[in-house]
Amino acid sequence: MRCCNLLLPLMLVACAPEPAVPSAPAFNGLSSRYSCSDGRMIEVLYGAEVAVVTINGEPIQMKLAPSADGARYSGGGWQWWGKGERDGLLSSLMIGEKVASAPGISCHAS
């Protein structure tokens, strides 16, 4: 019986749940609101490799994507292409697209 008493604490430690690993991306604190040419307002929260773009009240996490000019992010069927600190272009992505073929809508920081 004595060996069981010694093993019980070890078994409990082994069965304890692992600590949760934070899944939220690290954001650098940059957040901007934009007024778009179609009348909608969007908000963009920038991280090192990601951005969360809130479109029509829905936050969409996008990953940094290669671009020759500006900072381009894509995910959730959308593309956000920031041009400088005040302008950007929001476009929908067609299934299978890596770069939007749709012209998109222009947005300006408000």
N, C-alpha and C. Protein backbone atom coordinates (compact mmCIF):
# COMPACT_ATOMS: atom_id res chain seq x y z
N MET A 1 0.82 -1.19 0.00
CA MET A 1 0.00 0.00 0.00
C MET A 1 0.87 1.26 0.00
N ARG A 2 2.02 1.15 0.63
CA ARG A 2 2.90 2.30 0.73
C ARG A 2 3.40 2.75 -0.64
N CYS A 3 3.70 1.80 -1.55
CA CYS A 3 4.17 2.20 -2.89
C CYS A 3 3.08 2.92 -3.65
N CYS A 4 1.85 2.57 -3.47
CA CYS A 4 0.73 3.26 -4.14
C CYS A 4 0.62 4.69 -3.66
N ASN A 5 0.85 4.92 -2.37
CA ASN A 5 0.79 6.28 -1.84
C ASN A 5 1.89 7.15 -2.44
N LEU A 6 3.03 6.56 -2.75
CA LEU A 6 4.12 7.32 -3.35
C LEU A 6 3.87 7.59 -4.82
N LEU A 7 3.22 6.68 -5.51
CA LEU A 7 2.98 6.83 -6.94
C LEU A 7 1.82 7.77 -7.25
N LEU A 8 0.87 7.88 -6.38
CA LEU A 8 -0.31 8.71 -6.64
C LEU A 8 0.06 10.16 -6.95
N PRO A 9 0.92 10.83 -6.16
CA PRO A 9 1.27 12.21 -6.52
C PRO A 9 1.95 12.31 -7.88
N LEU A 10 2.78 11.33 -8.24
CA LEU A 10 3.44 11.34 -9.55
C LEU A 10 2.44 11.18 -10.67
N MET A 11 1.45 10.31 -10.45
CA MET A 11 0.42 10.09 -11.47
C MET A 11 -0.42 11.35 -11.65
N LEU A 12 -0.72 12.05 -10.57
CA LEU A 12 -1.51 13.28 -10.67
C LEU A 12 -0.75 14.36 -11.43
N VAL A 13 0.54 14.47 -11.18
CA VAL A 13 1.35 15.45 -11.91
C VAL A 13 1.39 15.11 -13.39
N ALA A 14 1.54 13.83 -13.70
CA ALA A 14 1.62 13.41 -15.10
C ALA A 14 0.31 13.64 -15.82
N CYS A 15 -0.81 13.61 -15.13
CA CYS A 15 -2.13 13.78 -15.75
C CYS A 15 -2.61 15.22 -15.74
N ALA A 16 -1.89 16.10 -15.10
CA ALA A 16 -2.31 17.50 -15.02
C ALA A 16 -2.30 18.11 -16.42
N PRO A 17 -3.26 18.98 -16.71
CA PRO A 17 -3.29 19.60 -18.04
C PRO A 17 -2.08 20.50 -18.25
N GLU A 18 -1.63 20.55 -19.50
CA GLU A 18 -0.49 21.42 -19.82
C GLU A 18 -0.95 22.86 -19.79
N PRO A 19 -0.06 23.79 -19.43
CA PRO A 19 -0.46 25.19 -19.45
C PRO A 19 -0.79 25.63 -20.87
N ALA A 20 -1.77 26.50 -20.97
CA ALA A 20 -2.20 26.96 -22.29
C ALA A 20 -1.10 27.79 -22.93
N VAL A 21 -0.87 27.55 -24.21
CA VAL A 21 0.09 28.33 -24.99
C VAL A 21 -0.68 29.45 -25.65
N PRO A 22 -0.26 30.69 -25.45
CA PRO A 22 -1.00 31.78 -26.07
C PRO A 22 -1.00 31.65 -27.58
N SER A 23 -2.20 31.72 -28.18
CA SER A 23 -2.30 31.59 -29.62
C SER A 23 -2.46 32.95 -30.30
N ALA A 24 -2.71 33.97 -29.51
CA ALA A 24 -2.91 35.29 -30.10
C ALA A 24 -1.58 35.83 -30.61
N PRO A 25 -1.58 36.43 -31.80
CA PRO A 25 -0.34 36.99 -32.33
C PRO A 25 0.08 38.20 -31.51
N ALA A 26 1.36 38.49 -31.52
CA ALA A 26 1.88 39.66 -30.81
C ALA A 26 1.66 40.89 -31.70
N PHE A 27 0.95 41.85 -31.19
CA PHE A 27 0.69 43.07 -31.95
C PHE A 27 1.59 44.17 -31.46
N ASN A 28 1.99 45.03 -32.39
CA ASN A 28 2.91 46.10 -32.04
C ASN A 28 2.18 47.36 -31.58
N GLY A 29 0.88 47.26 -31.40
CA GLY A 29 0.12 48.39 -30.89
C GLY A 29 -0.37 49.36 -31.95
N LEU A 30 -0.03 49.14 -33.20
CA LEU A 30 -0.49 50.03 -34.25
C LEU A 30 -1.89 49.63 -34.69
N SER A 31 -2.79 50.57 -34.60
CA SER A 31 -4.16 50.35 -35.01
C SER A 31 -4.62 51.58 -35.77
N SER A 32 -5.30 51.36 -36.88
CA SER A 32 -5.79 52.48 -37.68
C SER A 32 -7.21 52.22 -38.13
N ARG A 33 -7.98 53.29 -38.23
CA ARG A 33 -9.34 53.23 -38.77
C ARG A 33 -9.31 53.87 -40.15
N TYR A 34 -10.03 53.28 -41.07
CA TYR A 34 -10.03 53.76 -42.44
C TYR A 34 -11.47 53.97 -42.92
N SER A 35 -11.67 55.05 -43.68
CA SER A 35 -12.92 55.29 -44.40
C SER A 35 -12.69 54.85 -45.83
N CYS A 36 -13.57 53.99 -46.33
CA CYS A 36 -13.39 53.45 -47.68
C CYS A 36 -14.34 54.11 -48.67
N SER A 37 -13.96 54.05 -49.94
CA SER A 37 -14.71 54.74 -50.99
C SER A 37 -16.14 54.21 -51.15
N ASP A 38 -16.44 53.01 -50.64
CA ASP A 38 -17.81 52.48 -50.74
C ASP A 38 -18.63 52.83 -49.50
N GLY A 39 -18.07 53.65 -48.58
CA GLY A 39 -18.80 54.10 -47.40
C GLY A 39 -18.55 53.28 -46.15
N ARG A 40 -17.92 52.14 -46.26
CA ARG A 40 -17.67 51.34 -45.05
C ARG A 40 -16.45 51.85 -44.30
N MET A 41 -16.45 51.54 -43.02
CA MET A 41 -15.32 51.85 -42.15
C MET A 41 -14.67 50.52 -41.79
N ILE A 42 -13.34 50.48 -41.81
CA ILE A 42 -12.63 49.28 -41.37
C ILE A 42 -11.60 49.70 -40.34
N GLU A 43 -11.20 48.75 -39.52
CA GLU A 43 -10.14 48.99 -38.55
C GLU A 43 -9.09 47.92 -38.76
N VAL A 44 -7.82 48.31 -38.69
CA VAL A 44 -6.72 47.38 -38.90
C VAL A 44 -5.81 47.45 -37.67
N LEU A 45 -5.57 46.28 -37.06
CA LEU A 45 -4.65 46.14 -35.95
C LEU A 45 -3.44 45.39 -36.50
N TYR A 46 -2.28 46.04 -36.48
CA TYR A 46 -1.09 45.48 -37.11
C TYR A 46 -0.22 44.73 -36.12
N GLY A 47 0.30 43.59 -36.57
CA GLY A 47 1.29 42.82 -35.83
C GLY A 47 2.54 42.68 -36.68
N ALA A 48 3.51 41.94 -36.17
CA ALA A 48 4.77 41.77 -36.90
C ALA A 48 4.55 41.02 -38.22
N GLU A 49 3.81 39.95 -38.18
CA GLU A 49 3.58 39.12 -39.37
C GLU A 49 2.11 38.97 -39.72
N VAL A 50 1.24 39.63 -38.94
CA VAL A 50 -0.20 39.51 -39.15
C VAL A 50 -0.88 40.86 -38.98
N ALA A 51 -2.10 40.92 -39.45
CA ALA A 51 -2.97 42.07 -39.20
C ALA A 51 -4.37 41.51 -38.98
N VAL A 52 -5.12 42.13 -38.10
CA VAL A 52 -6.52 41.80 -37.94
C VAL A 52 -7.29 42.96 -38.53
N VAL A 53 -8.04 42.67 -39.59
CA VAL A 53 -8.81 43.69 -40.28
C VAL A 53 -10.28 43.44 -39.94
N THR A 54 -10.92 44.44 -39.33
CA THR A 54 -12.33 44.31 -38.99
C THR A 54 -13.14 44.89 -40.13
N ILE A 55 -13.88 44.00 -40.80
CA ILE A 55 -14.69 44.36 -41.97
C ILE A 55 -16.13 44.04 -41.63
N ASN A 56 -17.02 45.03 -41.73
CA ASN A 56 -18.44 44.84 -41.42
C ASN A 56 -18.62 44.24 -40.02
N GLY A 57 -17.80 44.67 -39.07
CA GLY A 57 -17.90 44.21 -37.69
C GLY A 57 -17.28 42.85 -37.42
N GLU A 58 -16.72 42.20 -38.43
CA GLU A 58 -16.12 40.88 -38.27
C GLU A 58 -14.60 40.97 -38.35
N PRO A 59 -13.89 40.59 -37.26
CA PRO A 59 -12.43 40.61 -37.32
C PRO A 59 -11.89 39.44 -38.14
N ILE A 60 -11.01 39.74 -39.07
CA ILE A 60 -10.42 38.72 -39.94
C ILE A 60 -8.92 38.78 -39.80
N GLN A 61 -8.32 37.66 -39.37
CA GLN A 61 -6.86 37.61 -39.22
C GLN A 61 -6.24 37.32 -40.57
N MET A 62 -5.28 38.15 -40.95
CA MET A 62 -4.59 38.01 -42.22
C MET A 62 -3.10 37.89 -41.97
N LYS A 63 -2.44 37.14 -42.83
CA LYS A 63 -0.98 36.97 -42.72
C LYS A 63 -0.29 37.89 -43.72
N LEU A 64 0.89 38.33 -43.33
CA LEU A 64 1.72 39.14 -44.21
C LEU A 64 2.04 38.34 -45.45
N ALA A 65 1.89 38.95 -46.61
CA ALA A 65 2.12 38.28 -47.90
C ALA A 65 3.16 39.07 -48.69
N PRO A 66 3.87 38.39 -49.58
CA PRO A 66 4.88 39.10 -50.38
C PRO A 66 4.26 40.21 -51.22
N SER A 67 4.97 41.32 -51.31
CA SER A 67 4.54 42.42 -52.18
C SER A 67 5.77 43.21 -52.58
N ALA A 68 5.71 43.82 -53.75
CA ALA A 68 6.81 44.64 -54.23
C ALA A 68 6.70 46.06 -53.67
N ASP A 69 5.50 46.43 -53.22
CA ASP A 69 5.27 47.79 -52.75
C ASP A 69 4.22 47.77 -51.66
N GLY A 70 4.50 48.37 -50.51
CA GLY A 70 3.54 48.44 -49.42
C GLY A 70 3.51 47.15 -48.61
N ALA A 71 2.60 47.09 -47.67
CA ALA A 71 2.44 45.90 -46.82
C ALA A 71 1.14 45.22 -47.21
N ARG A 72 1.24 43.99 -47.71
CA ARG A 72 0.06 43.26 -48.17
C ARG A 72 -0.22 42.11 -47.20
N TYR A 73 -1.48 41.98 -46.81
CA TYR A 73 -1.93 40.91 -45.93
C TYR A 73 -3.09 40.20 -46.60
N SER A 74 -3.19 38.89 -46.39
CA SER A 74 -4.33 38.16 -46.96
C SER A 74 -4.80 37.08 -46.01
N GLY A 75 -6.09 36.80 -46.08
CA GLY A 75 -6.69 35.76 -45.26
C GLY A 75 -8.19 35.93 -45.21
N GLY A 76 -8.89 34.83 -44.96
CA GLY A 76 -10.34 34.89 -44.81
C GLY A 76 -11.07 35.37 -46.05
N GLY A 77 -10.46 35.18 -47.23
CA GLY A 77 -11.11 35.62 -48.47
C GLY A 77 -10.90 37.09 -48.79
N TRP A 78 -10.00 37.76 -48.06
CA TRP A 78 -9.76 39.18 -48.26
C TRP A 78 -8.27 39.47 -48.39
N GLN A 79 -7.99 40.62 -48.98
CA GLN A 79 -6.63 41.14 -49.09
C GLN A 79 -6.65 42.60 -48.65
N TRP A 80 -5.74 42.96 -47.76
CA TRP A 80 -5.55 44.35 -47.36
C TRP A 80 -4.15 44.75 -47.79
N TRP A 81 -4.07 45.78 -48.60
CA TRP A 81 -2.79 46.23 -49.12
C TRP A 81 -2.57 47.66 -48.67
N GLY A 82 -1.77 47.83 -47.63
CA GLY A 82 -1.49 49.16 -47.11
C GLY A 82 -0.49 49.88 -47.99
N LYS A 83 -0.80 51.11 -48.28
CA LYS A 83 0.07 51.95 -49.11
C LYS A 83 0.48 53.16 -48.28
N GLY A 84 1.68 53.13 -47.72
CA GLY A 84 2.10 54.20 -46.83
C GLY A 84 1.37 54.09 -45.50
N GLU A 85 1.33 55.18 -44.76
CA GLU A 85 0.71 55.15 -43.44
C GLU A 85 -0.76 55.53 -43.48
N ARG A 86 -1.25 56.07 -44.56
CA ARG A 86 -2.62 56.61 -44.56
C ARG A 86 -3.56 55.97 -45.57
N ASP A 87 -3.07 55.22 -46.52
CA ASP A 87 -3.92 54.69 -47.57
C ASP A 87 -3.82 53.18 -47.67
N GLY A 88 -4.85 52.58 -48.21
CA GLY A 88 -4.86 51.14 -48.41
C GLY A 88 -5.91 50.74 -49.42
N LEU A 89 -5.86 49.49 -49.80
CA LEU A 89 -6.79 48.94 -50.78
C LEU A 89 -7.33 47.62 -50.23
N LEU A 90 -8.65 47.52 -50.11
CA LEU A 90 -9.32 46.31 -49.62
C LEU A 90 -9.94 45.59 -50.80
N SER A 91 -9.58 44.32 -50.98
CA SER A 91 -10.08 43.54 -52.11
C SER A 91 -10.52 42.16 -51.63
N SER A 92 -11.53 41.62 -52.30
CA SER A 92 -11.92 40.24 -52.00
C SER A 92 -11.05 39.32 -52.85
N LEU A 93 -10.76 38.15 -52.28
CA LEU A 93 -9.97 37.14 -53.01
C LEU A 93 -10.91 36.08 -53.56
N MET A 94 -10.71 35.71 -54.80
CA MET A 94 -11.44 34.60 -55.39
C MET A 94 -10.81 33.31 -54.88
N ILE A 95 -11.54 32.22 -54.89
CA ILE A 95 -11.03 30.93 -54.43
C ILE A 95 -9.76 30.59 -55.22
N GLY A 96 -8.68 30.27 -54.48
CA GLY A 96 -7.42 29.88 -55.10
C GLY A 96 -6.49 31.04 -55.41
N GLU A 97 -6.97 32.28 -55.29
CA GLU A 97 -6.11 33.43 -55.58
C GLU A 97 -5.14 33.70 -54.44
N LYS A 98 -3.93 34.07 -54.81
CA LYS A 98 -2.95 34.52 -53.83
C LYS A 98 -2.87 36.04 -53.84
N VAL A 99 -3.16 36.64 -54.99
CA VAL A 99 -3.22 38.09 -55.15
C VAL A 99 -4.58 38.39 -55.77
N ALA A 100 -5.29 39.36 -55.21
CA ALA A 100 -6.65 39.66 -55.67
C ALA A 100 -6.65 40.17 -57.11
N SER A 101 -7.57 39.63 -57.90
CA SER A 101 -7.76 40.12 -59.26
C SER A 101 -8.82 41.22 -59.29
N ALA A 102 -9.65 41.28 -58.25
CA ALA A 102 -10.67 42.33 -58.16
C ALA A 102 -9.98 43.67 -57.91
N PRO A 103 -10.53 44.75 -58.47
CA PRO A 103 -9.89 46.05 -58.30
C PRO A 103 -9.87 46.54 -56.86
N GLY A 104 -10.83 46.14 -56.06
CA GLY A 104 -10.86 46.54 -54.65
C GLY A 104 -11.39 47.94 -54.46
N ILE A 105 -11.43 48.35 -53.20
CA ILE A 105 -11.90 49.68 -52.86
C ILE A 105 -10.78 50.43 -52.13
N SER A 106 -10.66 51.70 -52.41
CA SER A 106 -9.60 52.48 -51.77
C SER A 106 -10.10 52.96 -50.40
N CYS A 107 -9.17 53.00 -49.45
CA CYS A 107 -9.47 53.41 -48.09
C CYS A 107 -8.42 54.42 -47.65
N HIS A 108 -8.86 55.37 -46.82
CA HIS A 108 -7.98 56.41 -46.32
C HIS A 108 -8.13 56.51 -44.81
N ALA A 109 -7.01 56.62 -44.10
CA ALA A 109 -7.05 56.71 -42.63
C ALA A 109 -7.88 57.90 -42.21
N SER A 110 -8.74 57.64 -41.22
CA SER A 110 -9.62 58.73 -40.74
C SER A 110 -9.20 59.19 -39.37
